[in-house]
Amino acid sequence: AEAYDSSKHKVDVEYYLPRHYQNP
């Protein structure tokens, strides 16, 4: 947290992966 706050470059992002189904 402290390193993030004091850094020059930052990204704060959220990613989503949906359900996947095996289909042999």
PDB file of all heavy atoms in Angstrom:
ATOM      1  N   ALA A   1       0.834  -1.213   0.000  1.00  0.00           N
ATOM      2  CA  ALA A   1       0.000   0.000   0.000  1.00  0.00           C
ATOM      3  C   ALA A   1       0.864   1.257   0.000  1.00  0.00           C
ATOM      4  O   ALA A   1       0.638   2.199  -0.774  1.00  0.00           O
ATOM      5  CB  ALA A   1      -0.937  -0.013   1.201  1.00  0.00           C
ATOM      6  N   GLU A   2       1.861   1.297   0.868  1.00  0.00           N
ATOM      7  CA  GLU A   2       2.717   2.487   0.955  1.00  0.00           C
ATOM      8  C   GLU A   2       3.525   2.663  -0.326  1.00  0.00           C
ATOM      9  O   GLU A   2       3.675   3.788  -0.843  1.00  0.00           O
ATOM     10  CB  GLU A   2       3.657   2.345   2.160  1.00  0.00           C
ATOM     11  CG  GLU A   2       4.400   3.639   2.541  1.00  0.00           C
ATOM     12  CD  GLU A   2       5.607   3.909   1.654  1.00  0.00           C
ATOM     13  OE1 GLU A   2       6.240   2.933   1.182  1.00  0.00           O
ATOM     14  OE2 GLU A   2       5.916   5.101   1.438  1.00  0.00           O
ATOM     15  N   ALA A   3       4.043   1.550  -0.874  1.00  0.00           N
ATOM     16  CA  ALA A   3       4.830   1.626  -2.095  1.00  0.00           C
ATOM     17  C   ALA A   3       3.979   2.109  -3.267  1.00  0.00           C
ATOM     18  O   ALA A   3       4.446   2.883  -4.106  1.00  0.00           O
ATOM     19  CB  ALA A   3       5.442   0.261  -2.403  1.00  0.00           C
ATOM     20  N   TYR A   4       2.737   1.660  -3.289  1.00  0.00           N
ATOM     21  CA  TYR A   4       1.826   2.102  -4.354  1.00  0.00           C
ATOM     22  C   TYR A   4       1.592   3.604  -4.263  1.00  0.00           C
ATOM     23  O   TYR A   4       1.673   4.330  -5.266  1.00  0.00           O
ATOM     24  CB  TYR A   4       0.505   1.338  -4.245  1.00  0.00           C
ATOM     25  CG  TYR A   4      -0.520   1.725  -5.291  1.00  0.00           C
ATOM     26  CD1 TYR A   4      -0.517   1.122  -6.543  1.00  0.00           C
ATOM     27  CD2 TYR A   4      -1.497   2.689  -5.025  1.00  0.00           C
ATOM     28  CE1 TYR A   4      -1.457   1.466  -7.510  1.00  0.00           C
ATOM     29  CE2 TYR A   4      -2.434   3.043  -5.980  1.00  0.00           C
ATOM     30  CZ  TYR A   4      -2.410   2.432  -7.217  1.00  0.00           C
ATOM     31  OH  TYR A   4      -3.344   2.793  -8.159  1.00  0.00           O
ATOM     32  N   ASP A   5       1.282   4.075  -3.071  1.00  0.00           N
ATOM     33  CA  ASP A   5       0.978   5.500  -2.891  1.00  0.00           C
ATOM     34  C   ASP A   5       2.145   6.400  -3.284  1.00  0.00           C
ATOM     35  O   ASP A   5       1.950   7.513  -3.783  1.00  0.00           O
ATOM     36  CB  ASP A   5       0.590   5.770  -1.438  1.00  0.00           C
ATOM     37  CG  ASP A   5      -0.765   5.156  -1.072  1.00  0.00           C
ATOM     38  OD1 ASP A   5      -1.549   4.887  -2.008  1.00  0.00           O
ATOM     39  OD2 ASP A   5      -1.002   4.925   0.128  1.00  0.00           O
ATOM     40  N   SER A   6       3.363   5.929  -3.079  1.00  0.00           N
ATOM     41  CA  SER A   6       4.534   6.767  -3.324  1.00  0.00           C
ATOM     42  C   SER A   6       5.149   6.563  -4.709  1.00  0.00           C
ATOM     43  O   SER A   6       6.189   7.151  -5.010  1.00  0.00           O
ATOM     44  CB  SER A   6       5.600   6.494  -2.251  1.00  0.00           C
ATOM     45  OG  SER A   6       6.026   5.144  -2.302  1.00  0.00           O
ATOM     46  N   SER A   7       4.525   5.766  -5.538  1.00  0.00           N
ATOM     47  CA  SER A   7       5.105   5.446  -6.844  1.00  0.00           C
ATOM     48  C   SER A   7       4.747   6.479  -7.904  1.00  0.00           C
ATOM     49  O   SER A   7       3.713   7.149  -7.833  1.00  0.00           O
ATOM     50  CB  SER A   7       4.642   4.061  -7.306  1.00  0.00           C
ATOM     51  OG  SER A   7       5.168   3.053  -6.483  1.00  0.00           O
ATOM     52  N   LYS A   8       5.591   6.536  -8.927  1.00  0.00           N
ATOM     53  CA  LYS A   8       5.401   7.469 -10.036  1.00  0.00           C
ATOM     54  C   LYS A   8       4.277   7.014 -10.961  1.00  0.00           C
ATOM     55  O   LYS A   8       3.413   7.777 -11.355  1.00  0.00           O
ATOM     56  CB  LYS A   8       6.714   7.580 -10.819  1.00  0.00           C
ATOM     57  CG  LYS A   8       6.638   8.378 -12.103  1.00  0.00           C
ATOM     58  CD  LYS A   8       6.459   9.859 -11.868  1.00  0.00           C
ATOM     59  CE  LYS A   8       6.544  10.630 -13.181  1.00  0.00           C
ATOM     60  NZ  LYS A   8       6.320  12.080 -13.002  1.00  0.00           N
ATOM     61  N   HIS A   9       4.286   5.730 -11.344  1.00  0.00           N
ATOM     62  CA  HIS A   9       3.309   5.213 -12.302  1.00  0.00           C
ATOM     63  C   HIS A   9       2.435   4.156 -11.625  1.00  0.00           C
ATOM     64  O   HIS A   9       2.951   3.289 -10.897  1.00  0.00           O
ATOM     65  CB  HIS A   9       4.018   4.606 -13.515  1.00  0.00           C
ATOM     66  CG  HIS A   9       4.884   5.585 -14.244  1.00  0.00           C
ATOM     67  ND1 HIS A   9       4.379   6.678 -14.909  1.00  0.00           N
ATOM     68  CD2 HIS A   9       6.237   5.637 -14.391  1.00  0.00           C
ATOM     69  CE1 HIS A   9       5.367   7.367 -15.448  1.00  0.00           C
ATOM     70  NE2 HIS A   9       6.512   6.760 -15.143  1.00  0.00           N
ATOM     71  N   LYS A  10       1.129   4.224 -11.895  1.00  0.00           N
ATOM     72  CA  LYS A  10       0.199   3.331 -11.208  1.00  0.00           C
ATOM     73  C   LYS A  10      -0.907   2.868 -12.161  1.00  0.00           C
ATOM     74  O   LYS A  10      -1.283   3.586 -13.083  1.00  0.00           O
ATOM     75  CB  LYS A  10      -0.477   4.047 -10.032  1.00  0.00           C
ATOM     76  CG  LYS A  10       0.459   4.695  -9.039  1.00  0.00           C
ATOM     77  CD  LYS A  10      -0.338   5.516  -8.024  1.00  0.00           C
ATOM     78  CE  LYS A  10       0.591   6.290  -7.101  1.00  0.00           C
ATOM     79  NZ  LYS A  10      -0.162   7.135  -6.141  1.00  0.00           N
ATOM     80  N   VAL A  11      -1.411   1.677 -11.901  1.00  0.00           N
ATOM     81  CA  VAL A  11      -2.657   1.223 -12.525  1.00  0.00           C
ATOM     82  C   VAL A  11      -3.510   0.578 -11.440  1.00  0.00           C
ATOM     83  O   VAL A  11      -2.995  -0.119 -10.558  1.00  0.00           O
ATOM     84  CB  VAL A  11      -2.435   0.228 -13.686  1.00  0.00           C
ATOM     85  CG1 VAL A  11      -1.724   0.893 -14.847  1.00  0.00           C
ATOM     86  CG2 VAL A  11      -1.688  -1.011 -13.237  1.00  0.00           C
ATOM     87  N   ASP A  12      -4.802   0.818 -11.493  1.00  0.00           N
ATOM     88  CA  ASP A  12      -5.775   0.248 -10.564  1.00  0.00           C
ATOM     89  C   ASP A  12      -6.902  -0.288 -11.436  1.00  0.00           C
ATOM     90  O   ASP A  12      -7.733   0.478 -11.939  1.00  0.00           O
ATOM     91  CB  ASP A  12      -6.277   1.319  -9.595  1.00  0.00           C
ATOM     92  CG  ASP A  12      -7.211   0.761  -8.523  1.00  0.00           C
ATOM     93  OD1 ASP A  12      -7.621  -0.417  -8.653  1.00  0.00           O
ATOM     94  OD2 ASP A  12      -7.528   1.501  -7.577  1.00  0.00           O
ATOM     95  N   VAL A  13      -6.907  -1.591 -11.666  1.00  0.00           N
ATOM     96  CA  VAL A  13      -7.777  -2.157 -12.699  1.00  0.00           C
ATOM     97  C   VAL A  13      -8.507  -3.402 -12.192  1.00  0.00           C
ATOM     98  O   VAL A  13      -8.101  -4.030 -11.215  1.00  0.00           O
ATOM     99  CB  VAL A  13      -6.961  -2.513 -13.967  1.00  0.00           C
ATOM    100  CG1 VAL A  13      -6.551  -1.252 -14.708  1.00  0.00           C
ATOM    101  CG2 VAL A  13      -5.712  -3.326 -13.607  1.00  0.00           C
ATOM    102  N   GLU A  14      -9.578  -3.742 -12.914  1.00  0.00           N
ATOM    103  CA  GLU A  14     -10.400  -4.896 -12.553  1.00  0.00           C
ATOM    104  C   GLU A  14     -10.665  -5.710 -13.817  1.00  0.00           C
ATOM    105  O   GLU A  14     -11.007  -5.154 -14.864  1.00  0.00           O
ATOM    106  CB  GLU A  14     -11.721  -4.413 -11.943  1.00  0.00           C
ATOM    107  CG  GLU A  14     -12.616  -5.512 -11.413  1.00  0.00           C
ATOM    108  CD  GLU A  14     -13.828  -4.946 -10.674  1.00  0.00           C
ATOM    109  OE1 GLU A  14     -13.672  -4.503  -9.517  1.00  0.00           O
ATOM    110  OE2 GLU A  14     -14.919  -4.919 -11.270  1.00  0.00           O
ATOM    111  N   TYR A  15     -10.504  -7.017 -13.700  1.00  0.00           N
ATOM    112  CA  TYR A  15     -10.703  -7.911 -14.840  1.00  0.00           C
ATOM    113  C   TYR A  15     -11.714  -8.993 -14.470  1.00  0.00           C
ATOM    114  O   TYR A  15     -11.766  -9.452 -13.323  1.00  0.00           O
ATOM    115  CB  TYR A  15      -9.390  -8.585 -15.244  1.00  0.00           C
ATOM    116  CG  TYR A  15      -8.330  -7.620 -15.708  1.00  0.00           C
ATOM    117  CD1 TYR A  15      -7.408  -7.087 -14.802  1.00  0.00           C
ATOM    118  CD2 TYR A  15      -8.253  -7.231 -17.034  1.00  0.00           C
ATOM    119  CE1 TYR A  15      -6.441  -6.194 -15.215  1.00  0.00           C
ATOM    120  CE2 TYR A  15      -7.283  -6.335 -17.465  1.00  0.00           C
ATOM    121  CZ  TYR A  15      -6.384  -5.818 -16.547  1.00  0.00           C
ATOM    122  OH  TYR A  15      -5.424  -4.931 -16.960  1.00  0.00           O
ATOM    123  N   TYR A  16     -12.475  -9.417 -15.483  1.00  0.00           N
ATOM    124  CA  TYR A  16     -13.493 -10.443 -15.234  1.00  0.00           C
ATOM    125  C   TYR A  16     -13.375 -11.554 -16.269  1.00  0.00           C
ATOM    126  O   TYR A  16     -13.243 -11.314 -17.468  1.00  0.00           O
ATOM    127  CB  TYR A  16     -14.890  -9.843 -15.301  1.00  0.00           C
ATOM    128  CG  TYR A  16     -15.991 -10.863 -15.062  1.00  0.00           C
ATOM    129  CD1 TYR A  16     -16.207 -11.392 -13.786  1.00  0.00           C
ATOM    130  CD2 TYR A  16     -16.795 -11.305 -16.113  1.00  0.00           C
ATOM    131  CE1 TYR A  16     -17.206 -12.335 -13.567  1.00  0.00           C
ATOM    132  CE2 TYR A  16     -17.791 -12.242 -15.900  1.00  0.00           C
ATOM    133  CZ  TYR A  16     -17.994 -12.759 -14.627  1.00  0.00           C
ATOM    134  OH  TYR A  16     -18.977 -13.689 -14.408  1.00  0.00           O
ATOM    135  N   LEU A  17     -13.418 -12.777 -15.757  1.00  0.00           N
ATOM    136  CA  LEU A  17     -13.403 -13.976 -16.599  1.00  0.00           C
ATOM    137  C   LEU A  17     -14.706 -14.725 -16.361  1.00  0.00           C
ATOM    138  O   LEU A  17     -15.029 -15.048 -15.211  1.00  0.00           O
ATOM    139  CB  LEU A  17     -12.213 -14.870 -16.222  1.00  0.00           C
ATOM    140  CG  LEU A  17     -12.023 -16.144 -17.042  1.00  0.00           C
ATOM    141  CD1 LEU A  17     -11.360 -15.824 -18.365  1.00  0.00           C
ATOM    142  CD2 LEU A  17     -11.171 -17.152 -16.269  1.00  0.00           C
ATOM    143  N   PRO A  18     -15.500 -15.015 -17.407  1.00  0.00           N
ATOM    144  CA  PRO A  18     -16.763 -15.746 -17.209  1.00  0.00           C
ATOM    145  C   PRO A  18     -16.530 -17.236 -17.029  1.00  0.00           C
ATOM    146  O   PRO A  18     -15.408 -17.721 -17.098  1.00  0.00           O
ATOM    147  CB  PRO A  18     -17.514 -15.460 -18.511  1.00  0.00           C
ATOM    148  CG  PRO A  18     -16.426 -15.363 -19.537  1.00  0.00           C
ATOM    149  CD  PRO A  18     -15.258 -14.707 -18.828  1.00  0.00           C
ATOM    150  N   ARG A  19     -17.617 -17.969 -16.804  1.00  0.00           N
ATOM    151  CA  ARG A  19     -17.517 -19.427 -16.722  1.00  0.00           C
ATOM    152  C   ARG A  19     -17.093 -19.999 -18.073  1.00  0.00           C
ATOM    153  O   ARG A  19     -17.532 -19.544 -19.124  1.00  0.00           O
ATOM    154  CB  ARG A  19     -18.877 -20.032 -16.354  1.00  0.00           C
ATOM    155  CG  ARG A  19     -19.377 -19.700 -14.973  1.00  0.00           C
ATOM    156  CD  ARG A  19     -20.729 -20.367 -14.731  1.00  0.00           C
ATOM    157  NE  ARG A  19     -21.207 -20.086 -13.393  1.00  0.00           N
ATOM    158  CZ  ARG A  19     -22.023 -19.084 -13.077  1.00  0.00           C
ATOM    159  NH1 ARG A  19     -22.452 -18.268 -14.024  1.00  0.00           N
ATOM    160  NH2 ARG A  19     -22.410 -18.890 -11.839  1.00  0.00           N
ATOM    161  N   HIS A  20     -16.255 -21.017 -18.006  1.00  0.00           N
ATOM    162  CA  HIS A  20     -15.868 -21.767 -19.200  1.00  0.00           C
ATOM    163  C   HIS A  20     -16.214 -23.234 -18.983  1.00  0.00           C
ATOM    164  O   HIS A  20     -16.106 -23.749 -17.859  1.00  0.00           O
ATOM    165  CB  HIS A  20     -14.368 -21.638 -19.468  1.00  0.00           C
ATOM    166  CG  HIS A  20     -13.940 -20.279 -19.885  1.00  0.00           C
ATOM    167  ND1 HIS A  20     -12.633 -19.838 -19.829  1.00  0.00           N
ATOM    168  CD2 HIS A  20     -14.650 -19.235 -20.377  1.00  0.00           C
ATOM    169  CE1 HIS A  20     -12.554 -18.596 -20.264  1.00  0.00           C
ATOM    170  NE2 HIS A  20     -13.754 -18.205 -20.597  1.00  0.00           N
ATOM    171  N   TYR A  21     -16.587 -23.903 -20.053  1.00  0.00           N
ATOM    172  CA  TYR A  21     -16.977 -25.312 -19.961  1.00  0.00           C
ATOM    173  C   TYR A  21     -16.107 -26.170 -20.871  1.00  0.00           C
ATOM    174  O   TYR A  21     -15.908 -25.854 -22.043  1.00  0.00           O
ATOM    175  CB  TYR A  21     -18.449 -25.485 -20.345  1.00  0.00           C
ATOM    176  CG  TYR A  21     -19.388 -24.905 -19.319  1.00  0.00           C
ATOM    177  CD1 TYR A  21     -19.711 -23.553 -19.334  1.00  0.00           C
ATOM    178  CD2 TYR A  21     -19.917 -25.695 -18.300  1.00  0.00           C
ATOM    179  CE1 TYR A  21     -20.548 -23.004 -18.377  1.00  0.00           C
ATOM    180  CE2 TYR A  21     -20.759 -25.151 -17.335  1.00  0.00           C
ATOM    181  CZ  TYR A  21     -21.065 -23.810 -17.383  1.00  0.00           C
ATOM    182  OH  TYR A  21     -21.891 -23.269 -16.427  1.00  0.00           O
ATOM    183  N   GLN A  22     -15.588 -27.288 -20.311  1.00  0.00           N
ATOM    184  CA  GLN A  22     -14.846 -28.241 -21.125  1.00  0.00           C
ATOM    185  C   GLN A  22     -15.816 -28.897 -22.103  1.00  0.00           C
ATOM    186  O   GLN A  22     -16.931 -29.238 -21.732  1.00  0.00           O
ATOM    187  CB  GLN A  22     -14.204 -29.334 -20.263  1.00  0.00           C
ATOM    188  CG  GLN A  22     -13.163 -28.821 -19.291  1.00  0.00           C
ATOM    189  CD  GLN A  22     -13.681 -28.714 -17.878  1.00  0.00           C
ATOM    190  OE1 GLN A  22     -14.845 -28.463 -17.687  1.00  0.00           O
ATOM    191  NE2 GLN A  22     -12.817 -28.897 -16.900  1.00  0.00           N
ATOM    192  N   ASN A  23     -15.380 -29.071 -23.306  1.00  0.00           N
ATOM    193  CA  ASN A  23     -16.214 -29.766 -24.283  1.00  0.00           C
ATOM    194  C   ASN A  23     -15.390 -30.776 -25.079  1.00  0.00           C
ATOM    195  O   ASN A  23     -15.188 -30.617 -26.279  1.00  0.00           O
ATOM    196  CB  ASN A  23     -16.878 -28.758 -25.222  1.00  0.00           C
ATOM    197  CG  ASN A  23     -18.213 -28.269 -24.693  1.00  0.00           C
ATOM    198  OD1 ASN A  23     -19.197 -29.002 -24.715  1.00  0.00           O
ATOM    199  ND2 ASN A  23     -18.234 -27.049 -24.184  1.00  0.00           N
ATOM    200  N   PRO A  24     -14.889 -31.815 -24.416  1.00  0.00           N
ATOM    201  CA  PRO A  24     -14.169 -32.861 -25.151  1.00  0.00           C
ATOM    202  C   PRO A  24     -15.098 -33.543 -26.149  1.00  0.00           C
ATOM    203  O   PRO A  24     -16.320 -33.571 -25.956  1.00  0.00           O
ATOM    204  CB  PRO A  24     -13.724 -33.822 -24.045  1.00  0.00           C
ATOM    205  CG  PRO A  24     -14.692 -33.601 -22.932  1.00  0.00           C
ATOM    206  CD  PRO A  24     -15.037 -32.140 -22.985  1.00  0.00           C
TER     207      PRO A  24
END
